[in-house]
N, C-alpha and C. Protein backbone atom coordinates (compact mmCIF):
# COMPACT_ATOMS: atom_id res chain seq x y z
N MET A 1 6.77 -23.57 23.32
CA MET A 1 6.45 -23.58 21.81
C MET A 1 6.23 -22.18 21.31
N LEU A 2 6.73 -21.98 20.33
CA LEU A 2 6.65 -20.75 19.34
C LEU A 2 5.83 -20.51 18.53
N LEU A 3 4.52 -19.70 18.61
CA LEU A 3 3.56 -19.63 17.87
C LEU A 3 3.89 -18.85 16.60
N GLN A 4 3.73 -19.56 15.39
CA GLN A 4 4.02 -19.16 14.05
C GLN A 4 2.73 -18.49 13.65
N VAL A 5 2.92 -17.30 13.16
CA VAL A 5 1.64 -16.57 12.43
C VAL A 5 1.86 -16.68 11.03
N MET A 6 0.73 -17.01 10.29
CA MET A 6 0.78 -17.07 8.49
C MET A 6 0.75 -15.50 8.22
N LEU A 7 1.85 -15.22 7.22
CA LEU A 7 1.45 -14.20 6.75
C LEU A 7 0.83 -14.28 5.29
N ARG A 8 -0.43 -13.49 5.32
CA ARG A 8 -1.34 -13.63 4.04
C ARG A 8 -0.80 -12.19 3.31
N ILE A 9 -0.41 -12.49 2.24
CA ILE A 9 0.01 -11.43 1.40
C ILE A 9 -0.94 -11.18 0.13
N PHE A 10 -1.16 -9.80 -0.20
CA PHE A 10 -1.77 -9.58 -1.32
C PHE A 10 -0.59 -8.74 -2.31
N ILE A 11 -0.53 -9.07 -3.53
CA ILE A 11 0.68 -8.37 -4.46
C ILE A 11 -0.20 -7.68 -5.66
N ILE A 12 0.63 -6.25 -5.86
CA ILE A 12 0.18 -5.31 -6.90
C ILE A 12 1.29 -5.08 -7.59
N ASP A 13 1.41 -5.32 -8.87
CA ASP A 13 2.39 -5.19 -9.54
C ASP A 13 1.71 -4.96 -11.28
N ASP A 14 2.35 -4.44 -12.02
CA ASP A 14 1.82 -4.34 -13.42
C ASP A 14 2.36 -5.06 -14.43
N HIS A 15 3.20 -6.20 -13.75
CA HIS A 15 4.05 -7.08 -14.64
C HIS A 15 3.65 -8.64 -14.26
N PRO A 16 2.83 -9.34 -15.07
CA PRO A 16 2.40 -10.48 -14.70
C PRO A 16 3.53 -11.46 -14.27
N LEU A 17 4.66 -11.32 -14.87
CA LEU A 17 5.75 -12.39 -14.62
C LEU A 17 6.30 -11.96 -13.00
N VAL A 18 6.31 -10.85 -12.60
CA VAL A 18 6.83 -10.43 -11.40
C VAL A 18 5.86 -11.06 -10.18
N ILE A 19 4.61 -10.83 -10.69
CA ILE A 19 3.54 -11.63 -9.67
C ILE A 19 3.74 -13.07 -9.68
N SER A 20 3.89 -13.71 -10.92
CA SER A 20 4.11 -15.10 -10.84
C SER A 20 5.38 -15.51 -10.24
N GLY A 21 6.34 -14.83 -10.30
CA GLY A 21 7.64 -15.21 -9.78
C GLY A 21 7.52 -15.07 -8.16
N LEU A 22 6.84 -14.24 -7.56
CA LEU A 22 6.69 -13.90 -6.22
C LEU A 22 5.53 -14.97 -5.68
N LYS A 23 4.64 -15.39 -6.47
CA LYS A 23 3.79 -16.43 -5.89
C LYS A 23 4.60 -17.99 -5.88
N SER A 24 5.60 -18.10 -6.81
CA SER A 24 6.28 -19.24 -6.93
C SER A 24 7.25 -19.18 -5.88
N ARG A 25 7.97 -18.19 -5.60
CA ARG A 25 8.91 -18.06 -4.43
C ARG A 25 8.47 -18.39 -2.94
N PHE A 26 7.36 -18.06 -2.73
CA PHE A 26 6.83 -18.33 -1.42
C PHE A 26 5.94 -19.45 -1.31
N ARG A 27 6.18 -20.25 -0.21
CA ARG A 27 5.35 -21.61 -0.12
C ARG A 27 4.75 -21.45 1.43
N LYS A 28 3.60 -21.82 1.47
CA LYS A 28 2.83 -21.65 2.63
C LYS A 28 3.60 -22.72 3.63
N ASP A 29 4.07 -24.16 3.15
CA ASP A 29 4.39 -24.85 4.20
C ASP A 29 5.80 -24.78 4.72
N ARG A 30 6.61 -23.99 3.92
CA ARG A 30 8.08 -23.83 4.14
C ARG A 30 8.32 -22.45 4.59
N ASP A 31 7.71 -21.56 4.12
CA ASP A 31 7.82 -20.04 4.39
C ASP A 31 6.82 -19.57 5.30
N ASN A 32 5.59 -20.26 5.86
CA ASN A 32 4.65 -19.77 6.60
C ASN A 32 4.03 -18.55 5.82
N ILE A 33 4.08 -18.45 4.40
CA ILE A 33 3.40 -17.23 3.75
C ILE A 33 2.47 -17.79 2.68
N GLU A 34 1.44 -17.05 2.48
CA GLU A 34 0.47 -17.58 1.81
C GLU A 34 0.15 -16.22 0.93
N ILE A 35 0.10 -16.33 -0.40
CA ILE A 35 0.00 -15.32 -1.44
C ILE A 35 -1.70 -15.64 -1.38
N CYS A 36 -2.44 -14.73 -0.95
CA CYS A 36 -4.18 -14.90 -0.98
C CYS A 36 -4.56 -14.01 -2.22
N GLY A 37 -3.97 -13.41 -3.09
CA GLY A 37 -4.34 -12.46 -4.23
C GLY A 37 -3.29 -11.74 -4.85
N SER A 38 -3.65 -11.09 -6.27
CA SER A 38 -2.71 -10.40 -6.84
C SER A 38 -3.73 -9.38 -7.81
N ALA A 39 -2.94 -8.29 -7.99
CA ALA A 39 -3.66 -7.40 -9.10
C ALA A 39 -2.70 -6.71 -9.86
N LEU A 40 -3.00 -6.46 -11.04
CA LEU A 40 -2.16 -5.73 -12.03
C LEU A 40 -2.13 -4.14 -11.86
N ASP A 41 -3.07 -3.63 -11.27
CA ASP A 41 -3.03 -2.30 -10.81
C ASP A 41 -4.02 -1.75 -9.76
N VAL A 42 -3.68 -0.74 -9.29
CA VAL A 42 -4.20 -0.35 -8.03
C VAL A 42 -5.97 -0.40 -8.15
N ARG A 43 -6.56 -0.01 -9.23
CA ARG A 43 -8.00 -0.17 -9.34
C ARG A 43 -8.50 -1.69 -9.13
N MET A 44 -7.65 -2.65 -9.87
CA MET A 44 -8.18 -3.89 -9.78
C MET A 44 -8.10 -4.28 -8.43
N ALA A 45 -6.88 -3.91 -7.86
CA ALA A 45 -6.48 -4.36 -6.36
C ALA A 45 -7.54 -3.85 -5.36
N LEU A 46 -8.18 -2.65 -5.39
CA LEU A 46 -9.25 -2.13 -4.73
C LEU A 46 -10.46 -2.76 -4.84
N GLN A 47 -10.61 -3.46 -5.91
CA GLN A 47 -12.01 -4.30 -6.08
C GLN A 47 -11.54 -5.91 -5.75
N GLU A 48 -10.39 -6.23 -5.78
CA GLU A 48 -10.28 -7.53 -5.27
C GLU A 48 -9.66 -7.59 -3.88
N SER A 49 -9.11 -6.82 -3.30
CA SER A 49 -8.57 -7.11 -2.04
C SER A 49 -9.53 -6.58 -0.65
N THR A 50 -10.63 -6.98 -1.12
CA THR A 50 -11.61 -6.54 0.12
C THR A 50 -11.42 -7.54 1.40
N PRO A 51 -11.52 -7.27 2.40
CA PRO A 51 -11.31 -8.46 3.55
C PRO A 51 -12.15 -9.45 3.52
N GLN A 52 -13.26 -9.21 3.05
CA GLN A 52 -14.04 -10.56 2.92
C GLN A 52 -13.70 -11.61 1.64
N ARG A 53 -13.25 -10.98 0.47
CA ARG A 53 -12.76 -11.73 -0.54
C ARG A 53 -11.14 -12.31 -0.13
N ASN A 54 -10.30 -11.34 0.14
CA ASN A 54 -9.05 -11.76 0.19
C ASN A 54 -8.41 -11.08 1.38
N PRO A 55 -8.68 -11.73 2.82
CA PRO A 55 -8.19 -11.17 4.00
C PRO A 55 -6.84 -11.20 4.04
N HIS A 56 -5.91 -10.16 4.14
CA HIS A 56 -4.36 -10.28 4.16
C HIS A 56 -4.02 -9.39 5.19
N ASN A 57 -2.85 -9.81 5.75
CA ASN A 57 -2.24 -8.64 6.67
C ASN A 57 -1.19 -8.05 6.09
N GLU A 58 -0.66 -8.31 5.03
CA GLU A 58 0.45 -7.40 4.16
C GLU A 58 0.12 -7.26 2.77
N THR A 59 0.80 -6.10 2.17
CA THR A 59 0.40 -6.02 0.82
C THR A 59 1.97 -5.27 0.12
N ILE A 60 2.21 -6.12 -0.86
CA ILE A 60 3.48 -5.90 -1.64
C ILE A 60 2.98 -5.28 -3.02
N ILE A 61 3.67 -3.78 -3.04
CA ILE A 61 3.06 -3.24 -4.08
C ILE A 61 4.35 -2.82 -4.93
N LYS A 62 4.14 -2.47 -6.05
CA LYS A 62 5.31 -1.95 -7.28
C LYS A 62 5.71 -0.78 -6.44
N ILE A 63 7.06 -0.53 -6.56
CA ILE A 63 7.61 0.69 -5.89
C ILE A 63 7.23 1.91 -6.52
N ASP A 64 6.74 1.78 -7.69
CA ASP A 64 6.47 3.01 -8.57
C ASP A 64 5.13 3.58 -8.46
N LEU A 65 4.39 2.68 -7.78
CA LEU A 65 2.87 3.17 -7.42
C LEU A 65 2.79 4.25 -6.33
N LEU A 66 3.72 4.13 -5.50
CA LEU A 66 4.05 5.24 -4.45
C LEU A 66 5.61 5.68 -4.42
N THR A 67 5.89 6.89 -4.91
CA THR A 67 7.49 7.14 -4.67
C THR A 67 7.70 7.09 -3.28
N ALA A 68 8.82 7.44 -2.75
CA ALA A 68 9.40 7.46 -1.35
C ALA A 68 8.56 8.67 -0.68
N HIS A 69 8.83 9.73 -1.40
CA HIS A 69 8.06 11.23 -0.84
C HIS A 69 6.54 10.80 -0.72
N GLN A 70 5.95 10.27 -1.62
CA GLN A 70 4.49 10.28 -1.48
C GLN A 70 4.28 8.88 -0.28
N PHE A 71 4.99 8.01 -0.29
CA PHE A 71 4.55 7.11 0.85
C PHE A 71 4.85 7.81 2.21
N ASP A 72 6.09 8.60 2.22
CA ASP A 72 6.44 9.24 3.41
C ASP A 72 5.28 10.25 3.91
N VAL A 73 4.89 10.88 3.03
CA VAL A 73 4.00 11.85 3.16
C VAL A 73 2.61 11.37 3.84
N VAL A 74 1.82 10.31 2.99
CA VAL A 74 0.88 9.83 3.56
C VAL A 74 0.90 9.07 4.70
N SER A 75 2.06 8.44 4.82
CA SER A 75 2.37 7.67 6.01
C SER A 75 1.93 8.42 7.29
N LEU A 76 3.06 9.68 7.07
CA LEU A 76 3.20 10.65 8.36
C LEU A 76 1.66 11.31 8.56
N LEU A 77 1.07 11.51 7.57
CA LEU A 77 -0.33 12.23 7.55
C LEU A 77 -1.28 11.14 8.32
N SER A 78 -1.04 9.91 8.10
CA SER A 78 -1.75 8.95 8.56
C SER A 78 -1.70 8.59 10.15
N GLU A 79 -0.26 9.25 10.44
CA GLU A 79 0.08 9.06 12.10
C GLU A 79 -0.43 10.19 12.86
N GLY A 80 -0.85 11.35 11.97
CA GLY A 80 -1.65 12.25 12.71
C GLY A 80 -0.78 13.58 12.63
N ASN A 81 0.17 13.60 11.85
CA ASN A 81 1.09 14.54 11.75
C ASN A 81 0.40 15.58 10.89
N SER A 82 0.56 17.13 11.18
CA SER A 82 -0.11 18.22 10.25
C SER A 82 0.82 18.19 9.10
N ARG A 83 0.66 18.97 8.44
CA ARG A 83 1.37 19.25 6.90
C ARG A 83 2.43 20.07 7.32
N ASN A 84 2.36 21.15 8.20
CA ASN A 84 3.74 21.71 8.68
C ASN A 84 4.61 21.12 9.22
N GLN A 85 4.33 19.78 10.32
CA GLN A 85 5.07 18.96 10.88
C GLN A 85 5.89 17.99 9.82
N ILE A 86 5.09 17.71 8.81
CA ILE A 86 5.43 16.76 7.71
C ILE A 86 6.42 17.69 6.92
N GLY A 87 6.02 18.80 6.61
CA GLY A 87 6.87 19.51 5.82
C GLY A 87 8.68 19.76 6.64
N LYS A 88 8.52 20.07 7.88
CA LYS A 88 9.65 20.31 8.74
C LYS A 88 10.35 18.81 8.70
N ARG A 89 9.82 17.62 8.96
CA ARG A 89 10.25 16.29 9.14
C ARG A 89 11.23 16.08 7.73
N LEU A 90 10.47 16.37 6.71
CA LEU A 90 11.00 16.07 5.39
C LEU A 90 11.77 17.08 4.46
N SER A 91 11.83 18.30 5.22
CA SER A 91 12.47 19.32 4.71
C SER A 91 11.82 19.78 3.07
N ILE A 92 10.40 19.91 3.08
CA ILE A 92 10.09 20.24 1.98
C ILE A 92 8.58 21.09 2.28
N SER A 93 8.10 21.85 1.45
CA SER A 93 7.25 22.99 1.80
C SER A 93 5.83 22.49 1.80
N VAL A 94 4.93 23.22 2.24
CA VAL A 94 3.41 22.77 2.49
C VAL A 94 3.12 22.63 1.14
N SER A 95 3.37 23.33 0.29
CA SER A 95 2.75 23.35 -1.15
C SER A 95 3.17 22.28 -1.96
N THR A 96 4.50 21.73 -1.73
CA THR A 96 4.84 20.66 -2.06
C THR A 96 4.21 19.36 -1.55
N ILE A 97 3.95 19.26 -0.35
CA ILE A 97 2.95 18.30 0.29
C ILE A 97 1.51 18.29 -0.50
N GLU A 98 1.09 19.43 -0.87
CA GLU A 98 -0.16 19.56 -1.41
C GLU A 98 -0.07 18.95 -2.81
N LYS A 99 0.76 19.22 -3.27
CA LYS A 99 1.02 18.64 -4.67
C LYS A 99 1.34 17.21 -4.76
N ILE A 100 1.95 16.57 -3.71
CA ILE A 100 1.91 15.03 -3.57
C ILE A 100 0.71 14.48 -3.10
N LEU A 101 -0.04 15.08 -2.36
CA LEU A 101 -1.32 14.41 -1.96
C LEU A 101 -2.44 14.47 -3.11
N THR A 102 -2.30 15.67 -4.05
CA THR A 102 -3.16 15.75 -5.21
C THR A 102 -2.85 14.51 -6.04
N SER A 103 -1.44 14.13 -6.27
CA SER A 103 -1.04 13.38 -7.33
C SER A 103 -1.27 12.07 -6.78
N VAL A 104 -1.17 11.70 -5.40
CA VAL A 104 -1.54 10.23 -4.90
C VAL A 104 -3.05 10.32 -4.80
N ARG A 105 -3.85 11.14 -4.58
CA ARG A 105 -5.30 11.09 -4.69
C ARG A 105 -5.90 10.88 -6.10
N LYS A 106 -5.25 11.43 -7.11
CA LYS A 106 -5.56 11.09 -8.52
C LYS A 106 -5.23 9.80 -8.82
N LYS A 107 -4.14 9.25 -8.54
CA LYS A 107 -3.54 7.77 -8.59
C LYS A 107 -4.52 6.95 -7.90
N PHE A 108 -4.97 6.99 -6.86
CA PHE A 108 -5.85 6.13 -6.27
C PHE A 108 -7.24 6.56 -6.35
N GLN A 109 -7.54 7.62 -7.09
CA GLN A 109 -9.06 7.89 -7.49
C GLN A 109 -9.82 8.21 -6.29
N SER A 110 -9.05 9.11 -5.43
CA SER A 110 -9.77 9.52 -4.05
C SER A 110 -10.39 10.92 -4.23
N ARG A 111 -11.18 11.18 -3.90
CA ARG A 111 -11.95 12.68 -3.82
C ARG A 111 -11.16 13.49 -2.76
N THR A 112 -11.04 12.93 -1.66
CA THR A 112 -10.54 13.92 -0.51
C THR A 112 -9.22 13.05 0.19
N THR A 113 -8.44 13.93 0.91
CA THR A 113 -7.20 13.13 1.46
C THR A 113 -7.82 12.23 2.65
N SER A 114 -8.84 12.55 3.38
CA SER A 114 -9.17 11.80 4.28
C SER A 114 -9.42 10.37 4.05
N GLN A 115 -10.41 10.49 2.75
CA GLN A 115 -10.84 9.09 2.09
C GLN A 115 -9.35 8.32 1.67
N LEU A 116 -8.54 9.04 0.95
CA LEU A 116 -7.18 8.49 0.65
C LEU A 116 -6.54 7.68 1.72
N ILE A 117 -6.39 8.43 2.81
CA ILE A 117 -5.89 7.81 4.08
C ILE A 117 -6.54 6.45 4.54
N TRP A 118 -7.95 6.77 4.57
CA TRP A 118 -8.65 5.50 4.93
C TRP A 118 -8.53 4.32 4.05
N MET A 119 -8.52 4.70 2.84
CA MET A 119 -8.25 3.55 1.77
C MET A 119 -6.95 3.03 1.89
N LEU A 120 -5.84 3.85 1.79
CA LEU A 120 -4.44 3.23 1.93
C LEU A 120 -4.35 2.28 3.39
N THR A 121 -4.83 2.94 4.37
CA THR A 121 -4.68 2.24 5.73
C THR A 121 -5.37 0.87 5.51
N HIS A 122 -6.68 0.93 5.31
CA HIS A 122 -7.63 -0.18 5.28
C HIS A 122 -7.11 -1.27 4.29
N LYS A 123 -6.46 -0.91 3.15
CA LYS A 123 -6.06 -2.05 2.21
C LYS A 123 -4.58 -2.41 2.49
N LYS A 124 -4.00 -1.75 3.60
CA LYS A 124 -2.76 -2.42 4.17
C LYS A 124 -1.62 -1.74 3.29
N ILE A 125 -1.87 -0.59 2.50
CA ILE A 125 -0.76 -0.22 1.75
C ILE A 125 0.32 0.90 2.62
N ILE A 126 -0.36 1.44 3.46
CA ILE A 126 0.54 2.22 4.41
C ILE A 126 0.25 1.84 5.68
C-alpha cells in the first residue's frame, strides 16, 4: 500500500485573483493538496503562517518577492556556505552578495542576516 502525504500549502501573492485561482485549482480529495492559508504580502504572511495557526509543509510565493539571485544567495547561505563560496559559485562579488542580503532584509523587515535566514527557513520560503 502506497502512503500518500497530504501537501499543505500556504500561498503568498499580491493578486487576490491568483490566490483564488490556485485555491480553486487544487482539491484535497483529488490532488491530495490542501491550501491552508494565503496572504497578500510578506508581512501578512509572517503573521498568518505560524505553525500553530496554519501548519503547512510548502509555501508558494510570488516570484518577484525574491528574485532568482536573492533566492540563490539566501538558500546557499542557509546551507552553510560562506559569502566567498557563494560568490564563486554564482560568479558575483561579495559586495553584490551584501547588497542582495541588505535588500532581502529590508523586504522581510529583518535586522540581521541570521534572523532573515531563520525566518525564511521557518516559514518554508527557502
